[in-house]
Amino acid sequence: MTADEAVAQQVANRILYVPTASGTAYHVNTPPAVVTALEYARQKGKRVRLFYGDPQTGRDWAKEYGVVGRVAMANGKPQVTDCRR
């Protein structure tokens, strides 16, 4: 990751995002392996199954709806990813 990519953008609600070379932004605490996997799925149009949970405990939140779909860019600023059917 270059220095420019590592510069976090602060949005109104104080969540920090780091932009990738493609312009997609991810939460500053997103592991690089997750960013790589999501970017690959987004660029190739692959369907994914997301597991939401507590990153500190590793406990799954058992979400059943809205967790399977294709990764896409949201239209806002910054351009974060979301899951679309």
PDB file of N, CA and C in Angstrom:
ATOM      1  N   MET A   1       0.853  -1.181   0.000  1.00  0.00           N
ATOM      2  CA  MET A   1       0.000   0.000   0.000  1.00  0.00           C
ATOM      3  C   MET A   1       0.896   1.241   0.000  1.00  0.00           C
ATOM      4  N   THR A   2       0.584   2.175  -0.878  1.00  0.00           N
ATOM      5  CA  THR A   2       1.388   3.383  -0.963  1.00  0.00           C
ATOM      6  C   THR A   2       0.995   4.347   0.145  1.00  0.00           C
ATOM      7  N   ALA A   3       1.787   5.379   0.311  1.00  0.00           N
ATOM      8  CA  ALA A   3       1.507   6.384   1.335  1.00  0.00           C
ATOM      9  C   ALA A   3       0.187   7.092   1.052  1.00  0.00           C
ATOM     10  N   ASP A   4      -0.081   7.350  -0.246  1.00  0.00           N
ATOM     11  CA  ASP A   4      -1.338   8.013  -0.615  1.00  0.00           C
ATOM     12  C   ASP A   4      -2.543   7.152  -0.258  1.00  0.00           C
ATOM     13  N   GLU A   5      -2.441   5.840  -0.500  1.00  0.00           N
ATOM     14  CA  GLU A   5      -3.546   4.938  -0.181  1.00  0.00           C
ATOM     15  C   GLU A   5      -3.747   4.816   1.318  1.00  0.00           C
ATOM     16  N   ALA A   6      -2.687   4.988   2.084  1.00  0.00           N
ATOM     17  CA  ALA A   6      -2.757   4.812   3.527  1.00  0.00           C
ATOM     18  C   ALA A   6      -3.329   6.029   4.251  1.00  0.00           C
ATOM     19  N   VAL A   7      -3.516   7.110   3.528  1.00  0.00           N
ATOM     20  CA  VAL A   7      -4.071   8.313   4.155  1.00  0.00           C
ATOM     21  C   VAL A   7      -5.565   8.095   4.381  1.00  0.00           C
ATOM     22  N   ALA A   8      -5.970   8.071   5.633  1.00  0.00           N
ATOM     23  CA  ALA A   8      -7.382   7.822   5.955  1.00  0.00           C
ATOM     24  C   ALA A   8      -8.197   9.081   5.769  1.00  0.00           C
ATOM     25  N   GLN A   9      -9.426   8.906   5.258  1.00  0.00           N
ATOM     26  CA  GLN A   9     -10.344  10.023   5.092  1.00  0.00           C
ATOM     27  C   GLN A   9     -11.338   9.996   6.243  1.00  0.00           C
ATOM     28  N   GLN A  10     -11.506  11.123   6.879  1.00  0.00           N
ATOM     29  CA  GLN A  10     -12.435  11.207   7.996  1.00  0.00           C
ATOM     30  C   GLN A  10     -13.770  11.764   7.493  1.00  0.00           C
ATOM     31  N   VAL A  11     -14.849  11.027   7.758  1.00  0.00           N
ATOM     32  CA  VAL A  11     -16.173  11.458   7.346  1.00  0.00           C
ATOM     33  C   VAL A  11     -16.916  12.043   8.532  1.00  0.00           C
ATOM     34  N   ALA A  12     -18.096  12.594   8.282  1.00  0.00           N
ATOM     35  CA  ALA A  12     -18.850  13.326   9.291  1.00  0.00           C
ATOM     36  C   ALA A  12     -19.049  12.549  10.585  1.00  0.00           C
ATOM     37  N   ASN A  13     -19.307  11.246  10.512  1.00  0.00           N
ATOM     38  CA  ASN A  13     -19.551  10.494  11.738  1.00  0.00           C
ATOM     39  C   ASN A  13     -18.275   9.910  12.346  1.00  0.00           C
ATOM     40  N   ARG A  14     -17.156  10.406  11.919  1.00  0.00           N
ATOM     41  CA  ARG A  14     -15.857  10.072  12.478  1.00  0.00           C
ATOM     42  C   ARG A  14     -15.414   8.622  12.272  1.00  0.00           C
ATOM     43  N   ILE A  15     -15.923   7.974  11.239  1.00  0.00           N
ATOM     44  CA  ILE A  15     -15.425   6.657  10.865  1.00  0.00           C
ATOM     45  C   ILE A  15     -14.302   6.878   9.866  1.00  0.00           C
ATOM     46  N   LEU A  16     -13.166   6.240  10.074  1.00  0.00           N
ATOM     47  CA  LEU A  16     -12.019   6.423   9.194  1.00  0.00           C
ATOM     48  C   LEU A  16     -12.000   5.363   8.103  1.00  0.00           C
ATOM     49  N   TYR A  17     -11.778   5.810   6.870  1.00  0.00           N
ATOM     50  CA  TYR A  17     -11.712   4.921   5.721  1.00  0.00           C
ATOM     51  C   TYR A  17     -10.380   5.093   5.018  1.00  0.00           C
ATOM     52  N   VAL A  18      -9.889   4.011   4.424  1.00  0.00           N
ATOM     53  CA  VAL A  18      -8.657   4.045   3.644  1.00  0.00           C
ATOM     54  C   VAL A  18      -9.020   3.705   2.203  1.00  0.00           C
ATOM     55  N   PRO A  19      -8.698   4.592   1.255  1.00  0.00           N
ATOM     56  CA  PRO A  19      -9.015   4.306  -0.147  1.00  0.00           C
ATOM     57  C   PRO A  19      -8.029   3.313  -0.761  1.00  0.00           C
ATOM     58  N   THR A  20      -8.518   2.479  -1.665  1.00  0.00           N
ATOM     59  CA  THR A  20      -7.642   1.583  -2.417  1.00  0.00           C
ATOM     60  C   THR A  20      -7.284   2.257  -3.736  1.00  0.00           C
ATOM     61  N   ALA A  21      -6.444   1.614  -4.517  1.00  0.00           N
ATOM     62  CA  ALA A  21      -6.044   2.162  -5.817  1.00  0.00           C
ATOM     63  C   ALA A  21      -7.239   2.297  -6.757  1.00  0.00           C
ATOM     64  N   SER A  22      -8.263   1.444  -6.583  1.00  0.00           N
ATOM     65  CA  SER A  22      -9.443   1.485  -7.448  1.00  0.00           C
ATOM     66  C   SER A  22     -10.428   2.581  -7.047  1.00  0.00           C
ATOM     67  N   GLY A  23     -10.190   3.213  -5.892  1.00  0.00           N
ATOM     68  CA  GLY A  23     -11.084   4.260  -5.430  1.00  0.00           C
ATOM     69  C   GLY A  23     -12.081   3.790  -4.382  1.00  0.00           C
ATOM     70  N   THR A  24     -12.179   2.478  -4.173  1.00  0.00           N
ATOM     71  CA  THR A  24     -13.049   1.935  -3.138  1.00  0.00           C
ATOM     72  C   THR A  24     -12.410   2.191  -1.784  1.00  0.00           C
ATOM     73  N   ALA A  25     -13.225   2.532  -0.790  1.00  0.00           N
ATOM     74  CA  ALA A  25     -12.693   2.802   0.546  1.00  0.00           C
ATOM     75  C   ALA A  25     -13.180   1.735   1.525  1.00  0.00           C
ATOM     76  N   TYR A  26     -12.307   1.331   2.417  1.00  0.00           N
ATOM     77  CA  TYR A  26     -12.615   0.345   3.446  1.00  0.00           C
ATOM     78  C   TYR A  26     -12.312   0.936   4.817  1.00  0.00           C
ATOM     79  N   HIS A  27     -13.032   0.459   5.826  1.00  0.00           N
ATOM     80  CA  HIS A  27     -12.785   0.894   7.200  1.00  0.00           C
ATOM     81  C   HIS A  27     -11.317   0.686   7.503  1.00  0.00           C
ATOM     82  N   VAL A  28     -10.735   1.597   8.239  1.00  0.00           N
ATOM     83  CA  VAL A  28      -9.303   1.581   8.516  1.00  0.00           C
ATOM     84  C   VAL A  28      -8.865   0.290   9.224  1.00  0.00           C
ATOM     85  N   ASN A  29      -9.754  -0.379   9.953  1.00  0.00           N
ATOM     86  CA  ASN A  29      -9.400  -1.606  10.667  1.00  0.00           C
ATOM     87  C   ASN A  29      -9.674  -2.879   9.874  1.00  0.00           C
ATOM     88  N   THR A  30     -10.082  -2.758   8.622  1.00  0.00           N
ATOM     89  CA  THR A  30     -10.327  -3.941   7.804  1.00  0.00           C
ATOM     90  C   THR A  30      -8.995  -4.606   7.478  1.00  0.00           C
ATOM     91  N   PRO A  31      -8.859  -5.902   7.797  1.00  0.00           N
ATOM     92  CA  PRO A  31      -7.594  -6.590   7.507  1.00  0.00           C
ATOM     93  C   PRO A  31      -7.294  -6.588   6.006  1.00  0.00           C
ATOM     94  N   PRO A  32      -6.022  -6.453   5.639  1.00  0.00           N
ATOM     95  CA  PRO A  32      -5.646  -6.428   4.220  1.00  0.00           C
ATOM     96  C   PRO A  32      -6.133  -7.645   3.441  1.00  0.00           C
ATOM     97  N   ALA A  33      -6.161  -8.820   4.052  1.00  0.00           N
ATOM     98  CA  ALA A  33      -6.631 -10.021   3.360  1.00  0.00           C
ATOM     99  C   ALA A  33      -8.117  -9.906   3.018  1.00  0.00           C
ATOM    100  N   VAL A  34      -8.894  -9.273   3.879  1.00  0.00           N
ATOM    101  CA  VAL A  34     -10.327  -9.081   3.627  1.00  0.00           C
ATOM    102  C   VAL A  34     -10.520  -8.074   2.495  1.00  0.00           C
ATOM    103  N   VAL A  35      -9.742  -6.990   2.508  1.00  0.00           N
ATOM    104  CA  VAL A  35      -9.818  -5.991   1.438  1.00  0.00           C
ATOM    105  C   VAL A  35      -9.496  -6.652   0.098  1.00  0.00           C
ATOM    106  N   THR A  36      -8.450  -7.457   0.061  1.00  0.00           N
ATOM    107  CA  THR A  36      -8.060  -8.144  -1.173  1.00  0.00           C
ATOM    108  C   THR A  36      -9.175  -9.053  -1.666  1.00  0.00           C
ATOM    109  N   ALA A  37      -9.777  -9.831  -0.770  1.00  0.00           N
ATOM    110  CA  ALA A  37     -10.853 -10.752  -1.148  1.00  0.00           C
ATOM    111  C   ALA A  37     -12.085  -9.995  -1.645  1.00  0.00           C
ATOM    112  N   LEU A  38     -12.459  -8.913  -0.960  1.00  0.00           N
ATOM    113  CA  LEU A  38     -13.630  -8.134  -1.369  1.00  0.00           C
ATOM    114  C   LEU A  38     -13.393  -7.414  -2.697  1.00  0.00           C
ATOM    115  N   GLU A  39     -12.200  -6.886  -2.884  1.00  0.00           N
ATOM    116  CA  GLU A  39     -11.876  -6.222  -4.153  1.00  0.00           C
ATOM    117  C   GLU A  39     -11.904  -7.217  -5.312  1.00  0.00           C
ATOM    118  N   TYR A  40     -11.377  -8.415  -5.095  1.00  0.00           N
ATOM    119  CA  TYR A  40     -11.408  -9.449  -6.129  1.00  0.00           C
ATOM    120  C   TYR A  40     -12.855  -9.784  -6.486  1.00  0.00           C
ATOM    121  N   ALA A  41     -13.682 -10.014  -5.463  1.00  0.00           N
ATOM    122  CA  ALA A  41     -15.092 -10.353  -5.692  1.00  0.00           C
ATOM    123  C   ALA A  41     -15.822  -9.213  -6.395  1.00  0.00           C
ATOM    124  N   ARG A  42     -15.519  -7.970  -6.019  1.00  0.00           N
ATOM    125  CA  ARG A  42     -16.170  -6.811  -6.643  1.00  0.00           C
ATOM    126  C   ARG A  42     -15.786  -6.692  -8.114  1.00  0.00           C
ATOM    127  N   GLN A  43     -14.497  -6.812  -8.396  1.00  0.00           N
ATOM    128  CA  GLN A  43     -14.022  -6.636  -9.768  1.00  0.00           C
ATOM    129  C   GLN A  43     -14.470  -7.773 -10.689  1.00  0.00           C
ATOM    130  N   LYS A  44     -14.594  -8.979 -10.172  1.00  0.00           N
ATOM    131  CA  LYS A  44     -14.972 -10.138 -10.981  1.00  0.00           C
ATOM    132  C   LYS A  44     -16.475 -10.408 -10.974  1.00  0.00           C
ATOM    133  N   GLY A  45     -17.239  -9.660 -10.147  1.00  0.00           N
ATOM    134  CA  GLY A  45     -18.679  -9.864 -10.078  1.00  0.00           C
ATOM    135  C   GLY A  45     -19.087 -11.153  -9.394  1.00  0.00           C
ATOM    136  N   LYS A  46     -18.233 -11.659  -8.515  1.00  0.00           N
ATOM    137  CA  LYS A  46     -18.496 -12.918  -7.816  1.00  0.00           C
ATOM    138  C   LYS A  46     -19.519 -12.709  -6.706  1.00  0.00           C
ATOM    139  N   ARG A  47     -20.349 -13.741  -6.476  1.00  0.00           N
ATOM    140  CA  ARG A  47     -21.276 -13.729  -5.344  1.00  0.00           C
ATOM    141  C   ARG A  47     -20.517 -14.153  -4.092  1.00  0.00           C
ATOM    142  N   VAL A  48     -20.818 -13.502  -2.976  1.00  0.00           N
ATOM    143  CA  VAL A  48     -20.149 -13.810  -1.715  1.00  0.00           C
ATOM    144  C   VAL A  48     -21.181 -14.003  -0.601  1.00  0.00           C
ATOM    145  N   ARG A  49     -20.771 -14.646   0.462  1.00  0.00           N
ATOM    146  CA  ARG A  49     -21.573 -14.793   1.676  1.00  0.00           C
ATOM    147  C   ARG A  49     -20.795 -14.095   2.768  1.00  0.00           C
ATOM    148  N   LEU A  50     -21.395 -13.042   3.345  1.00  0.00           N
ATOM    149  CA  LEU A  50     -20.733 -12.274   4.397  1.00  0.00           C
ATOM    150  C   LEU A  50     -21.187 -12.769   5.765  1.00  0.00           C
ATOM    151  N   PHE A  51     -20.261 -12.828   6.695  1.00  0.00           N
ATOM    152  CA  PHE A  51     -20.557 -13.187   8.075  1.00  0.00           C
ATOM    153  C   PHE A  51     -20.246 -11.971   8.935  1.00  0.00           C
ATOM    154  N   TYR A  52     -21.295 -11.380   9.508  1.00  0.00           N
ATOM    155  CA  TYR A  52     -21.126 -10.221  10.368  1.00  0.00           C
ATOM    156  C   TYR A  52     -20.944 -10.687  11.799  1.00  0.00           C
ATOM    157  N   GLY A  53     -20.154  -9.955  12.558  1.00  0.00           N
ATOM    158  CA  GLY A  53     -19.950 -10.341  13.952  1.00  0.00           C
ATOM    159  C   GLY A  53     -19.047  -9.380  14.679  1.00  0.00           C
ATOM    160  N   ASP A  54     -18.693  -9.764  15.879  1.00  0.00           N
ATOM    161  CA  ASP A  54     -17.827  -8.970  16.740  1.00  0.00           C
ATOM    162  C   ASP A  54     -16.379  -9.336  16.454  1.00  0.00           C
ATOM    163  N   PRO A  55     -15.578  -8.406  15.925  1.00  0.00           N
ATOM    164  CA  PRO A  55     -14.194  -8.754  15.579  1.00  0.00           C
ATOM    165  C   PRO A  55     -13.320  -9.080  16.793  1.00  0.00           C
ATOM    166  N   GLN A  56     -13.681  -8.559  17.959  1.00  0.00           N
ATOM    167  CA  GLN A  56     -12.866  -8.849  19.142  1.00  0.00           C
ATOM    168  C   GLN A  56     -13.107 -10.255  19.688  1.00  0.00           C
ATOM    169  N   THR A  57     -14.361 -10.689  19.710  1.00  0.00           N
ATOM    170  CA  THR A  57     -14.671 -12.011  20.257  1.00  0.00           C
ATOM    171  C   THR A  57     -14.730 -13.080  19.183  1.00  0.00           C
ATOM    172  N   GLY A  58     -14.928 -12.671  17.915  1.00  0.00           N
ATOM    173  CA  GLY A  58     -15.081 -13.630  16.844  1.00  0.00           C
ATOM    174  C   GLY A  58     -16.474 -14.232  16.786  1.00  0.00           C
ATOM    175  N   ARG A  59     -17.376 -13.726  17.601  1.00  0.00           N
ATOM    176  CA  ARG A  59     -18.735 -14.263  17.665  1.00  0.00           C
ATOM    177  C   ARG A  59     -19.586 -13.746  16.496  1.00  0.00           C
ATOM    178  N   ASP A  60     -20.249 -14.677  15.812  1.00  0.00           N
ATOM    179  CA  ASP A  60     -21.112 -14.370  14.678  1.00  0.00           C
ATOM    180  C   ASP A  60     -22.429 -13.797  15.185  1.00  0.00           C
ATOM    181  N   TRP A  61     -22.988 -12.799  14.467  1.00  0.00           N
ATOM    182  CA  TRP A  61     -24.258 -12.192  14.853  1.00  0.00           C
ATOM    183  C   TRP A  61     -25.455 -12.950  14.299  1.00  0.00           C
ATOM    184  N   ALA A  62     -25.220 -14.041  13.577  1.00  0.00           N
ATOM    185  CA  ALA A  62     -26.260 -14.910  13.034  1.00  0.00           C
ATOM    186  C   ALA A  62     -27.241 -14.159  12.119  1.00  0.00           C
ATOM    187  N   LYS A  63     -26.725 -13.222  11.338  1.00  0.00           N
ATOM    188  CA  LYS A  63     -27.563 -12.519  10.353  1.00  0.00           C
ATOM    189  C   LYS A  63     -27.945 -13.493   9.242  1.00  0.00           C
ATOM    190  N   GLU A  64     -29.208 -13.429   8.806  1.00  0.00           N
ATOM    191  CA  GLU A  64     -29.675 -14.323   7.757  1.00  0.00           C
ATOM    192  C   GLU A  64     -30.054 -13.603   6.478  1.00  0.00           C
ATOM    193  N   TYR A  65     -30.376 -12.321   6.556  1.00  0.00           N
ATOM    194  CA  TYR A  65     -30.868 -11.588   5.391  1.00  0.00           C
ATOM    195  C   TYR A  65     -29.860 -10.540   4.955  1.00  0.00           C
ATOM    196  N   GLY A  66     -29.701 -10.379   3.655  1.00  0.00           N
ATOM    197  CA  GLY A  66     -28.804  -9.368   3.112  1.00  0.00           C
ATOM    198  C   GLY A  66     -27.335  -9.708   3.252  1.00  0.00           C
ATOM    199  N   VAL A  67     -27.019 -11.000   3.344  1.00  0.00           N
ATOM    200  CA  VAL A  67     -25.624 -11.387   3.524  1.00  0.00           C
ATOM    201  C   VAL A  67     -25.052 -12.145   2.324  1.00  0.00           C
ATOM    202  N   VAL A  68     -25.898 -12.432   1.332  1.00  0.00           N
ATOM    203  CA  VAL A  68     -25.438 -13.109   0.124  1.00  0.00           C
ATOM    204  C   VAL A  68     -25.694 -12.182  -1.058  1.00  0.00           C
ATOM    205  N   GLY A  69     -24.663 -11.977  -1.868  1.00  0.00           N
ATOM    206  CA  GLY A  69     -24.822 -11.118  -3.024  1.00  0.00           C
ATOM    207  C   GLY A  69     -23.489 -10.771  -3.640  1.00  0.00           C
ATOM    208  N   ARG A  70     -23.514  -9.770  -4.480  1.00  0.00           N
ATOM    209  CA  ARG A  70     -22.288  -9.294  -5.119  1.00  0.00           C
ATOM    210  C   ARG A  70     -21.795  -8.042  -4.402  1.00  0.00           C
ATOM    211  N   VAL A  71     -20.498  -7.902  -4.320  1.00  0.00           N
ATOM    212  CA  VAL A  71     -19.900  -6.726  -3.694  1.00  0.00           C
ATOM    213  C   VAL A  71     -19.926  -5.602  -4.712  1.00  0.00           C
ATOM    214  N   ALA A  72     -20.423  -4.440  -4.298  1.00  0.00           N
ATOM    215  CA  ALA A  72     -20.509  -3.289  -5.197  1.00  0.00           C
ATOM    216  C   ALA A  72     -20.087  -2.031  -4.459  1.00  0.00           C
ATOM    217  N   MET A  73     -19.789  -0.985  -5.225  1.00  0.00           N
ATOM    218  CA  MET A  73     -19.444   0.306  -4.625  1.00  0.00           C
ATOM    219  C   MET A  73     -20.699   1.106  -4.363  1.00  0.00           C
ATOM    220  N   ALA A  74     -20.776   1.693  -3.191  1.00  0.00           N
ATOM    221  CA  ALA A  74     -21.869   2.623  -2.888  1.00  0.00           C
ATOM    222  C   ALA A  74     -21.587   3.940  -3.618  1.00  0.00           C
ATOM    223  N   ASN A  75     -22.588   4.758  -3.803  1.00  0.00           N
ATOM    224  CA  ASN A  75     -22.426   5.998  -4.561  1.00  0.00           C
ATOM    225  C   ASN A  75     -22.017   7.201  -3.726  1.00  0.00           C
ATOM    226  N   GLY A  76     -21.931   7.053  -2.424  1.00  0.00           N
ATOM    227  CA  GLY A  76     -21.630   8.198  -1.567  1.00  0.00           C
ATOM    228  C   GLY A  76     -20.155   8.527  -1.495  1.00  0.00           C
ATOM    229  N   LYS A  77     -19.832   9.414  -0.603  1.00  0.00           N
ATOM    230  CA  LYS A  77     -18.441   9.784  -0.333  1.00  0.00           C
ATOM    231  C   LYS A  77     -18.131   9.400   1.101  1.00  0.00           C
ATOM    232  N   PRO A  78     -17.115   8.624   1.382  1.00  0.00           N
ATOM    233  CA  PRO A  78     -16.281   7.916   0.416  1.00  0.00           C
ATOM    234  C   PRO A  78     -17.037   6.757  -0.211  1.00  0.00           C
ATOM    235  N   GLN A  79     -16.500   6.209  -1.297  1.00  0.00           N
ATOM    236  CA  GLN A  79     -17.148   5.097  -1.975  1.00  0.00           C
ATOM    237  C   GLN A  79     -16.815   3.804  -1.245  1.00  0.00           C
ATOM    238  N   VAL A  80     -17.711   3.405  -0.349  1.00  0.00           N
ATOM    239  CA  VAL A  80     -17.515   2.181   0.418  1.00  0.00           C
ATOM    240  C   VAL A  80     -18.229   1.037  -0.275  1.00  0.00           C
ATOM    241  N   THR A  81     -17.919  -0.190   0.118  1.00  0.00           N
ATOM    242  CA  THR A  81     -18.546  -1.351  -0.503  1.00  0.00           C
ATOM    243  C   THR A  81     -19.829  -1.711   0.215  1.00  0.00           C
ATOM    244  N   ASP A  82     -20.738  -2.352  -0.518  1.00  0.00           N
ATOM    245  CA  ASP A  82     -21.929  -2.922   0.084  1.00  0.00           C
ATOM    246  C   ASP A  82     -22.250  -4.214  -0.658  1.00  0.00           C
ATOM    247  N   CYS A  83     -23.175  -4.985  -0.097  1.00  0.00           N
ATOM    248  CA  CYS A  83     -23.545  -6.277  -0.688  1.00  0.00           C
ATOM    249  C   CYS A  83     -24.908  -6.123  -1.346  1.00  0.00           C
ATOM    250  N   ARG A  84     -24.971  -6.448  -2.638  1.00  0.00           N
ATOM    251  CA  ARG A  84     -26.223  -6.331  -3.389  1.00  0.00           C
ATOM    252  C   ARG A  84     -26.591  -7.680  -3.970  1.00  0.00           C
ATOM    253  N   ARG A  85     -27.884  -7.952  -4.000  1.00  0.00           N
ATOM    254  CA  ARG A  85     -28.338  -9.246  -4.533  1.00  0.00           C
ATOM    255  C   ARG A  85     -28.205  -9.306  -5.991  1.00  0.00           C
TER     256      ARG A  85
END
